[in-house]
């Protein structure tokens, strides 16, 4: 029975990936930080008792190499998925140094911990479409040059190339998944998609009357997080380590997201949504669209949940809450 280690297990992707791997018969070890407040593990609370027996949580931190080495030596995972990061683009402008440490240096620390632990494992690095930033071509594929437009994107580029460097330098089995935006009912409430679905429900319930957003014209390639974690796993089952873009190939604007979300609740978004300069980024990424042709051809992966269904799924989940 395989054991997999997941960093960032309490996040959106970590919770979906842990469920997926357990369904495949894995034992899952999650690395969690010791917080000064109550640990944020709500995305794992719904797991049934039989499933919980296959999930273990270990305290550790990507900025603390000894804790990584101890966890790796204790569990000897066959697969390691690095999903941990300071992943909010807007916050990365407010906390650029911490973002670089957690998102960039953290990945390097984990790679180095695996190397010095002499661990034979397959490693997955969560790379990001934000690395493309001000892209020279559209759609973006594995050969598109990077032009990041935020401290988060810059940090992800560092982690991406560190992963490739350790693959080429030490023969480590490292793969990078360049994932485009992926959402779900478990998305953090400070991300624009959950902000929209939450506030739309509050407005529909008479608890609020306005939603303030930044750039309504920004276009993204949005997919369902549950589909995308399957792609992560498929990369580590592939015949060789490699890098793959994971995306739907469709773009939709923030305004379109609002239209569907509010419309699903019988509301006209134009009556409630306003722009606010406070939510604008110093350097905006206007358009991201991914070409996942390589993943389709080599991994047999395709997205299953279409954009309108994704938005309505999130709206319904927040309504139920």
Protein backbone atom coordinates (compact mmCIF):
# COMPACT_ATOMS: atom_id res chain seq x y z
CA UNK A 1 0.00 0.00 0.00
CA UNK A 2 1.45 3.34 -1.07
CA UNK A 3 1.92 6.29 1.24
CA UNK A 4 1.65 9.85 -0.08
CA UNK A 5 2.74 13.03 1.69
CA UNK A 6 0.75 16.19 1.00
CA UNK A 7 1.87 19.65 2.05
CA UNK A 8 -0.96 22.16 2.14
CA UNK A 9 -3.42 19.37 2.94
CA UNK A 10 -5.83 21.73 4.74
CA UNK A 11 -6.29 23.85 1.61
CA UNK A 12 -8.78 23.40 -1.20
CA UNK A 13 -6.56 21.19 -3.36
CA UNK A 14 -5.12 19.30 -0.42
CA UNK A 15 -8.53 18.21 0.81
CA UNK A 16 -9.67 17.02 -2.63
CA UNK A 17 -6.35 15.27 -3.28
CA UNK A 18 -6.40 13.48 0.08
CA UNK A 19 -9.90 12.13 -0.67
CA UNK A 20 -8.86 11.07 -4.16
CA UNK A 21 -5.71 9.25 -3.01
CA UNK A 22 -7.53 7.47 -0.19
CA UNK A 23 -10.10 6.28 -2.73
CA UNK A 24 -7.17 4.80 -4.66
CA UNK A 25 -6.02 2.84 -1.61
CA UNK A 26 -3.25 5.17 -0.39
CA UNK A 27 -2.31 6.01 3.13
CA UNK A 28 -2.07 9.81 3.27
CA UNK A 29 0.18 11.91 5.49
CA UNK A 30 -0.56 15.63 5.67
CA UNK A 31 1.96 18.23 6.79
CA UNK A 32 0.31 20.94 8.90
CA UNK A 33 1.72 23.99 10.63
CA UNK A 34 1.31 24.58 14.35
CA UNK A 35 -0.72 27.79 14.48
CA UNK A 36 -1.03 30.19 17.37
CA UNK A 37 -4.80 29.82 17.04
CA UNK A 38 -6.97 26.77 16.45
CA UNK A 39 -5.70 24.70 13.51
CA UNK A 40 -7.67 25.35 10.33
CA UNK A 41 -8.71 21.85 9.25
CA UNK A 42 -12.36 22.39 8.41
CA UNK A 43 -11.94 21.06 4.85
CA UNK A 44 -11.08 17.64 6.31
CA UNK A 45 -13.81 17.53 8.97
CA UNK A 46 -16.34 15.81 6.73
CA UNK A 47 -14.22 12.68 6.20
CA UNK A 48 -15.91 9.57 7.56
CA UNK A 49 -14.31 7.51 10.35
CA UNK A 50 -13.12 4.63 8.09
CA UNK A 51 -11.41 7.15 5.79
CA UNK A 52 -9.79 9.01 8.67
CA UNK A 53 -7.90 5.84 9.61
CA UNK A 54 -5.92 6.24 6.39
CA UNK A 55 -5.06 9.87 7.09
CA UNK A 56 -2.30 11.04 9.43
CA UNK A 57 -1.34 14.63 10.17
CA UNK A 58 2.19 15.64 11.14
CA UNK A 59 3.34 19.02 12.38
CA UNK A 60 5.95 20.62 10.15
CA UNK A 61 6.77 23.71 8.12
CA UNK A 62 8.32 24.23 4.71
CA UNK A 63 10.61 26.84 6.27
CA UNK A 64 11.92 24.30 8.80
CA UNK A 65 14.00 21.66 7.01
CA UNK A 66 14.54 19.42 10.10
CA UNK A 67 10.77 18.98 10.48
CA UNK A 68 10.56 17.98 6.82
CA UNK A 69 13.38 15.45 7.14
CA UNK A 70 11.82 13.91 10.26
CA UNK A 71 8.46 13.46 8.51
CA UNK A 72 10.04 12.03 5.37
CA UNK A 73 12.16 9.53 7.31
CA UNK A 74 9.25 8.49 9.52
CA UNK A 75 6.78 7.75 6.73
CA UNK A 76 9.01 7.11 3.66
CA UNK A 77 6.30 8.26 1.21
CA UNK A 78 6.30 6.91 -2.33
CA UNK A 79 4.78 10.16 -3.59
CA UNK A 80 5.13 13.74 -2.33
CA UNK A 81 2.72 16.48 -3.42
CA UNK A 82 3.83 20.03 -2.64
CA UNK A 83 0.66 22.12 -2.55
CA UNK A 84 1.62 24.45 0.29
CA UNK A 85 2.05 28.14 -0.51
CA UNK A 86 0.94 31.66 0.24
CA UNK A 87 -1.36 31.42 -2.74
CA UNK A 88 -3.33 34.67 -2.79
CA UNK A 89 -2.07 36.97 -5.55
CA UNK A 90 -3.34 40.23 -4.01
CA UNK A 91 -1.90 39.36 -0.59
CA UNK A 92 1.45 38.62 -2.21
CA UNK A 93 1.79 42.33 -2.97
CA UNK A 94 1.20 43.09 0.71
CA UNK A 95 3.52 40.31 1.94
CA UNK A 96 6.07 39.77 -0.84
CA UNK A 97 8.91 38.51 1.36
CA UNK A 98 6.79 35.95 3.21
CA UNK A 99 5.29 34.85 -0.12
CA UNK A 100 8.77 34.32 -1.56
CA UNK A 101 9.81 32.34 1.51
CA UNK A 102 6.73 30.12 1.76
CA UNK A 103 5.99 29.65 -1.93
CA UNK A 104 9.47 29.73 -3.46
CA UNK A 105 12.03 28.84 -0.81
CA UNK A 106 9.60 26.40 0.80
CA UNK A 107 9.58 24.24 -2.33
CA UNK A 108 13.39 24.31 -2.47
CA UNK A 109 13.56 23.29 1.19
CA UNK A 110 11.31 20.30 0.54
CA UNK A 111 13.36 19.23 -2.48
CA UNK A 112 16.54 19.48 -0.44
CA UNK A 113 14.96 17.54 2.45
CA UNK A 114 14.05 14.73 0.04
CA UNK A 115 17.58 14.73 -1.38
CA UNK A 116 19.40 14.59 1.95
CA UNK A 117 16.95 11.98 3.26
CA UNK A 118 18.01 9.71 0.37
CA UNK A 119 14.32 9.08 -0.31
CA UNK A 120 13.22 7.37 -3.52
CA UNK A 121 9.91 9.06 -4.27
CA UNK A 122 7.96 10.80 -6.99
CA UNK A 123 7.56 14.53 -6.42
CA UNK A 124 4.80 16.86 -7.62
CA UNK A 125 5.23 20.63 -7.61
CA UNK A 126 2.12 22.79 -7.82
CA UNK A 127 3.14 25.35 -10.42
CA UNK A 128 0.72 28.05 -11.52
CA UNK A 129 -0.66 29.82 -14.57
CA UNK A 130 0.27 33.06 -12.78
CA UNK A 131 3.84 32.32 -13.91
CA UNK A 132 2.78 33.28 -17.44
CA UNK A 133 1.44 36.65 -16.31
CA UNK A 134 1.77 39.02 -19.26
CA UNK A 135 1.94 36.14 -21.71
CA UNK A 136 3.35 36.58 -25.20
CA UNK A 137 0.91 34.07 -26.70
CA UNK A 138 -2.54 32.64 -26.06
CA UNK A 139 -3.37 29.95 -25.22
CA UNK A 140 -0.35 29.20 -23.03
CA UNK A 141 1.36 25.81 -23.13
CA UNK A 142 4.46 24.20 -21.62
CA UNK A 143 6.74 26.15 -23.97
CA UNK A 144 5.27 29.61 -23.37
CA UNK A 145 7.82 31.99 -21.75
CA UNK A 146 7.08 33.15 -18.23
CA UNK A 147 6.40 36.82 -17.43
CA UNK A 148 5.01 36.85 -13.86
CA UNK A 149 3.19 39.98 -12.68
CA UNK A 150 3.07 39.45 -8.91
CA UNK A 151 5.35 38.31 -6.07
CA UNK A 152 3.26 35.12 -6.02
CA UNK A 153 3.92 34.44 -9.71
CA UNK A 154 7.62 35.21 -9.29
CA UNK A 155 7.84 32.81 -6.34
CA UNK A 156 6.11 30.07 -8.31
CA UNK A 157 8.61 30.50 -11.16
CA UNK A 158 11.46 30.02 -8.66
CA UNK A 159 9.84 26.86 -7.26
CA UNK A 160 9.10 25.57 -10.77
CA UNK A 161 12.68 25.92 -11.95
CA UNK A 162 14.06 24.56 -8.66
CA UNK A 163 11.99 21.42 -9.23
CA UNK A 164 13.32 21.05 -12.77
CA UNK A 165 16.89 21.75 -11.62
CA UNK A 166 16.76 18.99 -8.99
CA UNK A 167 15.36 16.64 -11.64
CA UNK A 168 18.21 17.43 -14.00
CA UNK A 169 20.96 17.70 -11.36
CA UNK A 170 20.16 14.73 -9.11
CA UNK A 171 17.96 12.50 -11.25
CA UNK A 172 14.98 13.03 -8.95
CA UNK A 173 11.53 12.01 -10.21
CA UNK A 174 10.02 15.50 -10.25
CA UNK A 175 6.99 16.74 -12.19
CA UNK A 176 5.38 20.17 -12.31
CA UNK A 177 1.69 20.74 -12.90
CA UNK A 178 1.08 24.20 -14.35
CA UNK A 179 -2.50 24.49 -13.17
CA UNK A 180 -4.78 27.26 -14.34
CA UNK A 181 -7.43 28.68 -12.00
CA UNK A 182 -9.46 25.95 -10.34
CA UNK A 183 -12.31 26.57 -7.95
CA UNK A 184 -14.79 24.71 -5.76
CA UNK A 185 -17.12 25.16 -2.80
CA UNK A 186 -13.98 24.72 -0.66
CA UNK A 187 -12.22 27.74 -2.13
CA UNK A 188 -11.00 30.24 0.47
CA UNK A 189 -13.40 33.09 1.16
CA UNK A 190 -10.79 35.74 0.29
CA UNK A 191 -10.59 34.56 -3.35
CA UNK A 192 -12.73 36.44 -5.86
CA UNK A 193 -14.87 33.45 -6.86
CA UNK A 194 -15.97 32.63 -3.30
CA UNK A 195 -16.31 36.32 -2.57
CA UNK A 196 -18.83 36.51 -5.42
CA UNK A 197 -20.83 33.39 -4.48
CA UNK A 198 -20.93 34.29 -0.79
CA UNK A 199 -21.98 37.90 -1.27
CA UNK A 200 -24.55 36.99 -3.94
CA UNK A 201 -26.21 34.69 -1.39
CA UNK A 202 -26.08 37.37 1.30
CA UNK A 203 -27.71 39.86 -1.07
CA UNK A 204 -30.38 37.32 -2.04
CA UNK A 205 -31.09 36.75 1.66
CA UNK A 206 -31.36 40.49 2.34
CA UNK A 207 -28.21 40.54 4.47
CA UNK A 208 -26.20 42.81 2.13
CA UNK A 209 -26.85 45.12 -0.79
CA UNK A 210 -23.51 45.56 -2.62
CA UNK A 211 -20.55 43.53 -3.85
CA UNK A 212 -17.30 45.45 -4.43
CA UNK A 213 -14.77 43.95 -6.86
CA UNK A 214 -11.62 44.98 -8.71
CA UNK A 215 -11.00 44.34 -12.41
CA UNK A 216 -14.26 42.96 -13.82
CA UNK A 217 -12.74 42.48 -17.27
CA UNK A 218 -9.96 40.10 -16.17
CA UNK A 219 -10.38 36.78 -17.97
CA UNK A 220 -9.35 33.42 -16.53
CA UNK A 221 -9.42 29.76 -17.49
CA UNK A 222 -11.54 28.36 -14.64
CA UNK A 223 -11.95 24.64 -13.87
CA UNK A 224 -13.09 22.44 -10.98
CA UNK A 225 -10.49 21.61 -8.33
CA UNK A 226 -11.80 18.05 -8.00
CA UNK A 227 -10.93 17.42 -11.66
CA UNK A 228 -7.49 18.99 -11.33
CA UNK A 229 -6.24 16.84 -8.44
CA UNK A 230 -6.76 13.79 -10.64
CA UNK A 231 -4.30 15.35 -13.08
CA UNK A 232 -1.74 15.71 -10.28
CA UNK A 233 -1.98 12.00 -9.55
CA UNK A 234 -1.83 11.05 -13.23
CA UNK A 235 1.43 12.99 -13.58
CA UNK A 236 3.07 10.83 -10.92
CA UNK A 237 1.81 7.63 -12.59
CA UNK A 238 3.29 8.67 -15.94
CA UNK A 239 6.19 6.74 -17.45
CA UNK A 240 8.59 9.64 -16.92
CA UNK A 241 8.74 12.90 -14.96
CA UNK A 242 7.61 15.89 -16.98
CA UNK A 243 5.70 19.16 -16.84
CA UNK A 244 2.08 19.63 -17.88
CA UNK A 245 -0.38 22.48 -18.33
CA UNK A 246 -3.77 21.65 -16.79
CA UNK A 247 -6.63 23.83 -18.03
CA UNK A 248 -10.03 23.83 -19.74
CA UNK A 249 -8.99 25.90 -22.76
CA UNK A 250 -11.88 28.33 -22.17
CA UNK A 251 -11.75 31.85 -20.76
CA UNK A 252 -14.43 33.71 -18.86
CA UNK A 253 -14.37 37.16 -17.30
CA UNK A 254 -15.04 38.04 -13.68
CA UNK A 255 -18.16 39.80 -14.99
CA UNK A 256 -19.38 36.54 -16.58
CA UNK A 257 -18.83 34.77 -13.27
CA UNK A 258 -21.00 37.40 -11.56
CA UNK A 259 -23.72 37.15 -14.20
CA UNK A 260 -24.10 33.38 -13.74
CA UNK A 261 -23.81 33.46 -9.95
CA UNK A 262 -26.38 36.21 -9.42
CA UNK A 263 -28.60 34.88 -12.20
CA UNK A 264 -28.73 31.47 -10.51
CA UNK A 265 -30.30 33.26 -7.54
CA UNK A 266 -32.73 35.21 -9.73
CA UNK A 267 -30.80 38.48 -9.45
CA UNK A 268 -29.39 40.96 -11.96
CA UNK A 269 -25.74 41.41 -11.00
CA UNK A 270 -25.61 44.91 -12.52
CA UNK A 271 -27.81 46.21 -9.70
CA UNK A 272 -25.43 45.06 -6.97
CA UNK A 273 -21.84 44.81 -8.24
CA UNK A 274 -19.54 47.85 -8.14
CA UNK A 275 -15.84 48.28 -8.82
CA UNK A 276 -13.48 49.61 -6.17
CA UNK A 277 -9.90 50.74 -6.77
CA UNK A 278 -8.92 49.19 -3.44
CA UNK A 279 -9.20 45.75 -5.06
CA UNK A 280 -7.07 46.56 -8.11
CA UNK A 281 -3.61 44.99 -8.29
CA UNK A 282 -0.46 47.06 -8.93
CA UNK A 283 0.20 44.91 -12.03
CA UNK A 284 -2.83 43.16 -13.50
CA UNK A 285 -2.94 39.94 -15.52
CA UNK A 286 -5.68 40.54 -18.08
CA UNK A 287 -5.97 37.15 -19.79
CA UNK A 288 -4.93 33.58 -19.04
CA UNK A 289 -5.98 30.61 -21.17
CA UNK A 290 -4.33 27.20 -21.08
CA UNK A 291 -3.63 24.59 -23.74
CA UNK A 292 -3.81 21.18 -22.03
CA UNK A 293 -3.24 19.23 -25.23
CA UNK A 294 -0.15 17.51 -23.86
CA UNK A 295 -2.03 16.34 -20.75
CA UNK A 296 -4.86 15.00 -22.90
CA UNK A 297 -2.49 13.14 -25.21
CA UNK A 298 -0.04 11.72 -22.65
CA UNK A 299 -2.08 11.44 -19.44
CA UNK A 300 -5.58 10.92 -20.87
CA UNK A 301 -6.85 13.77 -18.68
CA UNK A 302 -9.79 15.98 -19.56
CA UNK A 303 -11.86 18.37 -17.39
CA UNK A 304 -15.35 17.13 -16.54
CA UNK A 305 -17.17 20.07 -14.90
CA UNK A 306 -18.08 22.93 -17.30
CA UNK A 307 -17.84 26.56 -16.19
CA UNK A 308 -21.58 27.32 -15.67
CA UNK A 309 -21.99 24.15 -13.61
CA UNK A 310 -18.96 25.07 -11.49
CA UNK A 311 -20.35 28.52 -10.68
CA UNK A 312 -23.80 27.14 -9.81
CA UNK A 313 -22.22 24.41 -7.67
CA UNK A 314 -20.42 27.06 -5.63
CA UNK A 315 -23.52 29.24 -5.32
CA UNK A 316 -25.63 26.27 -4.15
CA UNK A 317 -23.02 25.24 -1.58
CA UNK A 318 -22.87 28.72 -0.10
CA UNK A 319 -26.68 28.91 -0.08
CA UNK A 320 -26.81 25.64 1.87
CA UNK A 321 -24.30 27.01 4.38
